[in-house]
C-alpha atoms as a PDB file:
ATOM      1  CA  MET A   1       0.000   0.000   0.000  1.00  0.00           C
ATOM      2  CA  GLN A   2       1.365   3.385  -1.020  1.00  0.00           C
ATOM      3  CA  LYS A   3       1.756   5.910   1.792  1.00  0.00           C
ATOM      4  CA  SER A   4       2.743   9.540   2.197  1.00  0.00           C
ATOM      5  CA  PHE A   5       5.898   9.955   4.262  1.00  0.00           C
ATOM      6  CA  ILE A   6       8.348  12.241   5.943  1.00  0.00           C
ATOM      7  CA  MET A   7      12.018  11.346   5.597  1.00  0.00           C
ATOM      8  CA  SER A   8      14.224  11.395   8.668  1.00  0.00           C
ATOM      9  CA  TRP A   9      17.019  13.214   6.833  1.00  0.00           C
ATOM     10  CA  SER A  10      20.664  13.360   7.877  1.00  0.00           C
ATOM     11  CA  GLY A  11      21.961  14.649   4.552  1.00  0.00           C
ATOM     12  CA  GLY A  12      24.146  11.551   4.319  1.00  0.00           C
ATOM     13  CA  LYS A  13      24.283   8.337   2.346  1.00  0.00           C
ATOM     14  CA  ASP A  14      21.972   6.050   4.356  1.00  0.00           C
ATOM     15  CA  SER A  15      19.041   8.441   4.512  1.00  0.00           C
ATOM     16  CA  ALA A  16      19.517   9.244   0.808  1.00  0.00           C
ATOM     17  CA  LEU A  17      19.416   5.586  -0.218  1.00  0.00           C
ATOM     18  CA  ALA A  18      16.454   4.843   2.083  1.00  0.00           C
ATOM     19  CA  TYR A  19      14.582   7.818   0.581  1.00  0.00           C
ATOM     20  CA  TYR A  20      15.387   6.661  -2.951  1.00  0.00           C
ATOM     21  CA  ARG A  21      14.111   3.164  -2.268  1.00  0.00           C
ATOM     22  CA  ALA A  22      10.932   4.412  -0.585  1.00  0.00           C
ATOM     23  CA  VAL A  23      10.121   6.544  -3.636  1.00  0.00           C
ATOM     24  CA  LEU A  24      10.831   3.633  -6.012  1.00  0.00           C
ATOM     25  CA  GLU A  25       8.415   1.552  -3.910  1.00  0.00           C
ATOM     26  CA  GLY A  26       5.726   4.068  -4.804  1.00  0.00           C
ATOM     27  CA  HIS A  27       5.499   6.017  -1.547  1.00  0.00           C
ATOM     28  CA  MET A  28       4.955   9.792  -1.677  1.00  0.00           C
ATOM     29  CA  PRO A  29       7.500  12.083   0.034  1.00  0.00           C
ATOM     30  CA  LEU A  30       6.048  15.235   1.587  1.00  0.00           C
ATOM     31  CA  ALA A  31       8.911  16.622   3.695  1.00  0.00           C
ATOM     32  CA  LEU A  32      12.409  16.095   5.043  1.00  0.00           C
ATOM     33  CA  PHE A  33      12.764  16.171   8.821  1.00  0.00           C
ATOM     34  CA  THR A  34      16.068  16.916  10.565  1.00  0.00           C
ATOM     35  CA  MET A  35      16.936  17.584  14.185  1.00  0.00           C
ATOM     36  CA  PHE A  36      19.242  20.574  14.715  1.00  0.00           C
ATOM     37  CA  GLU A  37      21.219  22.002  17.591  1.00  0.00           C
ATOM     38  CA  GLU A  38      19.332  24.422  19.824  1.00  0.00           C
ATOM     39  CA  ASP A  39      20.423  27.499  17.854  1.00  0.00           C
ATOM     40  CA  GLY A  40      19.264  25.942  14.563  1.00  0.00           C
ATOM     41  CA  THR A  41      22.548  26.449  12.717  1.00  0.00           C
ATOM     42  CA  LYS A  42      23.849  22.866  12.383  1.00  0.00           C
ATOM     43  CA  SER A  43      22.248  19.440  12.249  1.00  0.00           C
ATOM     44  CA  ARG A  44      22.563  17.203  15.294  1.00  0.00           C
ATOM     45  CA  SER A  45      23.524  14.073  13.416  1.00  0.00           C
ATOM     46  CA  HIS A  46      26.109  15.190  10.862  1.00  0.00           C
ATOM     47  CA  GLY A  47      26.863  18.799  11.834  1.00  0.00           C
ATOM     48  CA  LEU A  48      25.801  20.163   8.454  1.00  0.00           C
ATOM     49  CA  PRO A  49      24.898  23.866   8.141  1.00  0.00           C
ATOM     50  CA  ILE A  50      21.216  24.613   7.634  1.00  0.00           C
ATOM     51  CA  GLU A  51      21.783  26.363   4.291  1.00  0.00           C
ATOM     52  CA  VAL A  52      23.459  23.213   2.906  1.00  0.00           C
ATOM     53  CA  MET A  53      20.566  21.009   4.003  1.00  0.00           C
ATOM     54  CA  GLU A  54      18.063  23.503   2.602  1.00  0.00           C
ATOM     55  CA  ALA A  55      19.915  23.287  -0.715  1.00  0.00           C
ATOM     56  CA  GLN A  56      19.511  19.495  -0.654  1.00  0.00           C
ATOM     57  CA  ALA A  57      15.780  19.789   0.125  1.00  0.00           C
ATOM     58  CA  GLU A  58      15.287  22.382  -2.617  1.00  0.00           C
ATOM     59  CA  ARG A  59      16.837  20.044  -5.192  1.00  0.00           C
ATOM     60  CA  MET A  60      14.507  17.280  -4.018  1.00  0.00           C
ATOM     61  CA  GLY A  61      11.481  19.564  -4.368  1.00  0.00           C
ATOM     62  CA  LEU A  62      10.605  19.187  -0.681  1.00  0.00           C
ATOM     63  CA  PRO A  63      10.365  21.418   2.396  1.00  0.00           C
ATOM     64  CA  LEU A  64      12.938  20.909   5.157  1.00  0.00           C
ATOM     65  CA  VAL A  65      11.291  20.801   8.570  1.00  0.00           C
ATOM     66  CA  ILE A  66      13.670  21.172  11.499  1.00  0.00           C
ATOM     67  CA  GLY A  67      13.430  20.468  15.197  1.00  0.00           C
ATOM     68  CA  LYS A  68      15.740  22.306  17.607  1.00  0.00           C
ATOM     69  CA  ALA A  69      16.792  20.682  20.861  1.00  0.00           C
ATOM     70  CA  SER A  70      19.556  19.815  23.281  1.00  0.00           C
ATOM     71  CA  TRP A  71      20.255  16.103  23.649  1.00  0.00           C
ATOM     72  CA  SER A  72      18.143  16.091  26.826  1.00  0.00           C
ATOM     73  CA  GLY A  73      15.147  17.576  25.018  1.00  0.00           C
ATOM     74  CA  TYR A  74      15.668  15.653  21.784  1.00  0.00           C
ATOM     75  CA  GLU A  75      13.071  12.917  22.231  1.00  0.00           C
ATOM     76  CA  LYS A  76      10.264  15.240  23.326  1.00  0.00           C
ATOM     77  CA  GLU A  77      10.898  17.577  20.377  1.00  0.00           C
ATOM     78  CA  PHE A  78      11.056  14.640  17.955  1.00  0.00           C
ATOM     79  CA  ILE A  79       7.711  13.246  19.127  1.00  0.00           C
ATOM     80  CA  GLU A  80       6.028  16.658  18.914  1.00  0.00           C
ATOM     81  CA  HIS A  81       7.056  16.969  15.277  1.00  0.00           C
ATOM     82  CA  LEU A  82       5.879  13.442  14.463  1.00  0.00           C
ATOM     83  CA  LYS A  83       2.492  14.311  15.974  1.00  0.00           C
ATOM     84  CA  LYS A  84       2.305  17.410  13.766  1.00  0.00           C
ATOM     85  CA  PHE A  85       3.104  15.337  10.676  1.00  0.00           C
ATOM     86  CA  LYS A  86       0.412  12.847  11.626  1.00  0.00           C
ATOM     87  CA  ALA A  87      -2.098  15.682  12.127  1.00  0.00           C
ATOM     88  CA  GLN A  88      -1.270  16.884   8.599  1.00  0.00           C
ATOM     89  CA  GLY A  89      -2.293  13.496   7.231  1.00  0.00           C
ATOM     90  CA  ILE A  90       1.209  12.078   6.715  1.00  0.00           C
ATOM     91  CA  ASN A  91       1.070   8.307   7.212  1.00  0.00           C
ATOM     92  CA  MET A  92       4.656   7.246   7.740  1.00  0.00           C
ATOM     93  CA  GLY A  93       8.221   8.102   8.720  1.00  0.00           C
ATOM     94  CA  VAL A  94      11.089   6.625   6.674  1.00  0.00           C
ATOM     95  CA  TYR A  95      14.479   5.980   8.316  1.00  0.00           C
ATOM     96  CA  GLY A  96      17.915   4.967   7.056  1.00  0.00           C
ATOM     97  CA  ASP A  97      18.881   2.540   9.835  1.00  0.00           C
ATOM     98  CA  ILE A  98      20.596  -0.649   8.695  1.00  0.00           C
ATOM     99  CA  ASP A  99      21.092  -2.852  11.737  1.00  0.00           C
ATOM    100  CA  LEU A 100      21.376  -0.845  14.970  1.00  0.00           C
ATOM    101  CA  GLN A 101      18.666  -2.484  17.064  1.00  0.00           C
ATOM    102  CA  ASP A 102      18.671   0.164  19.807  1.00  0.00           C
ATOM    103  CA  HIS A 103      17.897   2.945  17.353  1.00  0.00           C
ATOM    104  CA  LEU A 104      15.239   0.880  15.595  1.00  0.00           C
ATOM    105  CA  GLU A 105      13.504   0.345  18.927  1.00  0.00           C
ATOM    106  CA  TRP A 106      13.745   4.070  19.757  1.00  0.00           C
ATOM    107  CA  VAL A 107      12.186   4.997  16.403  1.00  0.00           C
ATOM    108  CA  GLN A 108       9.399   2.486  16.959  1.00  0.00           C
ATOM    109  CA  LYS A 109       8.756   3.866  20.449  1.00  0.00           C
ATOM    110  CA  VAL A 110       8.517   7.539  19.464  1.00  0.00           C
ATOM    111  CA  SER A 111       6.475   6.705  16.361  1.00  0.00           C
ATOM    112  CA  ALA A 112       4.002   4.691  18.439  1.00  0.00           C
ATOM    113  CA  GLU A 113       3.535   7.717  20.705  1.00  0.00           C
ATOM    114  CA  ALA A 114       2.702   9.812  17.642  1.00  0.00           C
ATOM    115  CA  GLN A 115       0.638   6.989  16.099  1.00  0.00           C
ATOM    116  CA  ILE A 116       2.567   7.206  12.829  1.00  0.00           C
ATOM    117  CA  ASP A 117       3.851   4.215  10.836  1.00  0.00           C
ATOM    118  CA  VAL A 118       7.555   3.401  10.401  1.00  0.00           C
ATOM    119  CA  HIS A 119       9.465   2.129   7.363  1.00  0.00           C
ATOM    120  CA  HIS A 120      13.141   1.069   7.243  1.00  0.00           C
ATOM    121  CA  PRO A 121      13.951   0.310   3.555  1.00  0.00           C
ATOM    122  CA  LEU A 122      17.574  -0.714   4.310  1.00  0.00           C
ATOM    123  CA  TRP A 123      16.982  -2.804   7.420  1.00  0.00           C
ATOM    124  CA  GLN A 124      19.294  -5.827   7.850  1.00  0.00           C
ATOM    125  CA  GLU A 125      20.657  -5.771   4.328  1.00  0.00           C
ATOM    126  CA  PRO A 126      24.381  -6.533   3.943  1.00  0.00           C
ATOM    127  CA  ARG A 127      26.182  -3.253   4.498  1.00  0.00           C
ATOM    128  CA  LYS A 128      28.595  -3.679   1.608  1.00  0.00           C
ATOM    129  CA  ASN A 129      25.744  -4.412  -0.819  1.00  0.00           C
ATOM    130  CA  LEU A 130      24.107  -1.119   0.150  1.00  0.00           C
ATOM    131  CA  LEU A 131      27.319   0.795  -0.517  1.00  0.00           C
ATOM    132  CA  LYS A 132      27.741  -0.838  -3.923  1.00  0.00           C
ATOM    133  CA  GLU A 133      24.137   0.077  -4.760  1.00  0.00           C
ATOM    134  CA  LEU A 134      24.766   3.668  -3.667  1.00  0.00           C
ATOM    135  CA  VAL A 135      27.768   4.029  -5.976  1.00  0.00           C
ATOM    136  CA  ASP A 136      26.191   2.128  -8.872  1.00  0.00           C
ATOM    137  CA  GLU A 137      23.001   4.226  -8.751  1.00  0.00           C
ATOM    138  CA  GLY A 138      25.049   7.404  -9.220  1.00  0.00           C
ATOM    139  CA  PHE A 139      25.020   8.881  -5.719  1.00  0.00           C
ATOM    140  CA  ARG A 140      28.046  10.969  -4.750  1.00  0.00           C
ATOM    141  CA  ALA A 141      28.746  10.761  -1.022  1.00  0.00           C
ATOM    142  CA  VAL A 142      31.673  12.628   0.552  1.00  0.00           C
ATOM    143  CA  ILE A 143      33.145  11.859   3.991  1.00  0.00           C
ATOM    144  CA  THR A 144      32.751  15.031   6.078  1.00  0.00           C
ATOM    145  CA  VAL A 145      33.309  13.771   9.667  1.00  0.00           C
ATOM    146  CA  VAL A 146      35.649  11.099  11.030  1.00  0.00           C
ATOM    147  CA  ASP A 147      36.145   9.710  14.518  1.00  0.00           C
ATOM    148  CA  THR A 148      39.933  10.046  14.625  1.00  0.00           C
ATOM    149  CA  THR A 149      40.234   7.321  17.269  1.00  0.00           C
ATOM    150  CA  ARG A 150      39.080   4.864  14.609  1.00  0.00           C
ATOM    151  CA  LEU A 151      39.720   6.403  11.200  1.00  0.00           C
ATOM    152  CA  ASP A 152      42.551   8.552   9.862  1.00  0.00           C
ATOM    153  CA  GLU A 153      41.778  12.197   9.117  1.00  0.00           C
ATOM    154  CA  ARG A 154      43.123  11.724   5.591  1.00  0.00           C
ATOM    155  CA  PHE A 155      39.774  10.164   4.653  1.00  0.00           C
ATOM    156  CA  LEU A 156      38.028  13.544   5.070  1.00  0.00           C
ATOM    157  CA  GLY A 157      36.857  14.802   1.681  1.00  0.00           C
ATOM    158  CA  ARG A 158      37.041  11.390   0.031  1.00  0.00           C
ATOM    159  CA  GLU A 159      34.163  10.496  -2.256  1.00  0.00           C
ATOM    160  CA  PHE A 160      32.636   7.032  -2.094  1.00  0.00           C
ATOM    161  CA  THR A 161      33.809   4.695  -4.844  1.00  0.00           C
ATOM    162  CA  HIS A 162      34.266   0.938  -4.999  1.00  0.00           C
ATOM    163  CA  GLU A 163      37.966   1.593  -4.332  1.00  0.00           C
ATOM    164  CA  LEU A 164      37.210   3.621  -1.194  1.00  0.00           C
ATOM    165  CA  ILE A 165      34.963   0.828   0.114  1.00  0.00           C
ATOM    166  CA  ASP A 166      37.896  -1.590  -0.239  1.00  0.00           C
ATOM    167  CA  GLU A 167      40.283   0.897   1.425  1.00  0.00           C
ATOM    168  CA  LEU A 168      38.001   1.335   4.442  1.00  0.00           C
ATOM    169  CA  GLU A 169      37.654  -2.402   4.860  1.00  0.00           C
ATOM    170  CA  ALA A 170      41.419  -2.849   4.522  1.00  0.00           C
ATOM    171  CA  ALA A 171      41.797  -0.293   7.344  1.00  0.00           C
ATOM    172  CA  GLY A 172      39.611  -2.506   9.530  1.00  0.00           C
ATOM    173  CA  ILE A 173      36.661  -0.087   9.392  1.00  0.00           C
ATOM    174  CA  ASP A 174      33.046  -0.893   8.678  1.00  0.00           C
ATOM    175  CA  ALA A 175      32.695   0.741   5.277  1.00  0.00           C
ATOM    176  CA  CYS A 176      29.128   1.839   6.105  1.00  0.00           C
ATOM    177  CA  GLY A 177      30.251   3.753   9.193  1.00  0.00           C
ATOM    178  CA  GLU A 178      27.171   2.410  10.967  1.00  0.00           C
ATOM    179  CA  GLU A 179      28.985   2.485  14.321  1.00  0.00           C
ATOM    180  CA  GLY A 180      29.771   6.199  13.982  1.00  0.00           C
ATOM    181  CA  GLU A 181      33.262   5.845  12.518  1.00  0.00           C
ATOM    182  CA  PHE A 182      32.459   8.588  10.002  1.00  0.00           C
ATOM    183  CA  HIS A 183      29.609  10.598   8.482  1.00  0.00           C
ATOM    184  CA  THR A 184      28.946  11.562   4.891  1.00  0.00           C
ATOM    185  CA  MET A 185      27.152  14.211   2.879  1.00  0.00           C
ATOM    186  CA  ILE A 186      25.332  13.476  -0.375  1.00  0.00           C
ATOM    187  CA  VAL A 187      26.322  16.052  -3.003  1.00  0.00           C
ATOM    188  CA  ASP A 188      24.666  14.514  -6.072  1.00  0.00           C
ATOM    189  CA  GLY A 189      22.493  11.620  -7.116  1.00  0.00           C
ATOM    190  CA  PRO A 190      19.221  10.538  -8.731  1.00  0.00           C
ATOM    191  CA  ILE A 191      17.136  12.159  -5.963  1.00  0.00           C
ATOM    192  CA  PHE A 192      18.360  15.669  -6.918  1.00  0.00           C
ATOM    193  CA  VAL A 193      17.436  17.732  -9.977  1.00  0.00           C
ATOM    194  CA  GLU A 194      21.007  19.083  -9.984  1.00  0.00           C
ATOM    195  CA  PRO A 195      24.161  18.718  -7.848  1.00  0.00           C
ATOM    196  CA  ILE A 196      24.445  20.587  -4.551  1.00  0.00           C
ATOM    197  CA  PRO A 197      26.645  23.678  -5.117  1.00  0.00           C
ATOM    198  CA  VAL A 198      28.873  22.856  -2.184  1.00  0.00           C
ATOM    199  CA  GLN A 199      32.464  23.706  -1.414  1.00  0.00           C
ATOM    200  CA  PHE A 200      34.634  22.040   1.185  1.00  0.00           C
ATOM    201  CA  GLY A 201      36.914  24.135   3.343  1.00  0.00           C
ATOM    202  CA  ASP A 202      39.388  23.503   6.136  1.00  0.00           C
ATOM    203  CA  LYS A 203      39.712  20.392   8.259  1.00  0.00           C
ATOM    204  CA  VAL A 204      39.038  21.228  11.910  1.00  0.00           C
ATOM    205  CA  LYS A 205      39.282  19.213  15.113  1.00  0.00           C
ATOM    206  CA  ALA A 206      36.504  18.962  17.698  1.00  0.00           C
ATOM    207  CA  GLY A 207      37.481  16.558  20.449  1.00  0.00           C
ATOM    208  CA  ASN A 208      38.071  13.158  18.846  1.00  0.00           C
ATOM    209  CA  TYR A 209      36.448  14.240  15.603  1.00  0.00           C
ATOM    210  CA  GLY A 210      37.935  15.595  12.432  1.00  0.00           C
ATOM    211  CA  ILE A 211      35.417  17.728  10.557  1.00  0.00           C
ATOM    212  CA  LEU A 212      35.513  19.043   7.011  1.00  0.00           C
ATOM    213  CA  GLU A 213      34.005  22.506   6.718  1.00  0.00           C
ATOM    214  CA  VAL A 214      31.037  22.454   4.346  1.00  0.00           C
ATOM    215  CA  LYS A 215      29.396  25.511   2.804  1.00  0.00           C
ATOM    216  CA  LEU A 216      27.554  26.573  -0.313  1.00  0.00           C
ATOM    217  CA  HIS A 217      29.387  28.237  -3.190  1.00  0.00           C
ATOM    218  CA  SER A 218      28.976  31.970  -2.765  1.00  0.00           C
ATOM    219  CA  GLU A 219      27.580  33.608  -5.866  1.00  0.00           C
ATOM    220  CA  GLU A 220      29.701  36.523  -6.918  1.00  0.00           C
END
C-alpha cells in the first residue's frame, strides 16, 4: 500500500538511499525532517549547516522541517514533530537505519507515541551491498566527519567509490560507518534535480572528531 511519508534526513548516504528506495516503492515524500542544535545552525547528526541542508531539500522539491533541541530535550521535540506530521495526514516516517537495534527500537517507540507508521527500507541488508548500490546508482557521497580514534583524518573529503569501500575495509573499518566511525554528505544523485553547489573548506578538530568545513558556493 502506497503511503505519504516524511524522511528522517541526515543529509548523508543512508538516509539518501532509504529515501530513494521508498520513492521507487511508490510512496509519496512530503517533507524532510532533521533535528538541529538548539540554535538551529547545524544538524545534530552530521553537523551540516542549515543552508546546505536547505539546498539538498530544494533540489529534491521538498520542504525541510527542522526540530531544535539539546540532547536532553531531543526525544520530546522529535515526538512533537511526528504528531504534527500525523495531524497533517502524513502516514509514515522513513528511516535509514541498517542494523542498529537500539535505534530501531527508539524509532518504533517515538512513532508509536505519535501513532505514525515506520518504514526502514535498508533494514538488515548486507552493508557492503548497500554501498555498492549507492555508488552504482550514481550517488556521490563525501566523507565530512571522522572519529579520529578509529579512522585517519586523511579520509576527510574522500568520495565514495568501490575503491574507497575496499580501502576502508582494509583499514579494519566498517565501510558503512554504521557504528559512527564517520559521516557523509550526499552532493549529487538521482534524488536531486542538480548537484548541490557545495564547497569544502578547512579540516578542523573537535574533540576526537575531524570535521571538514562544508558551505555553499557563494555567488559573486
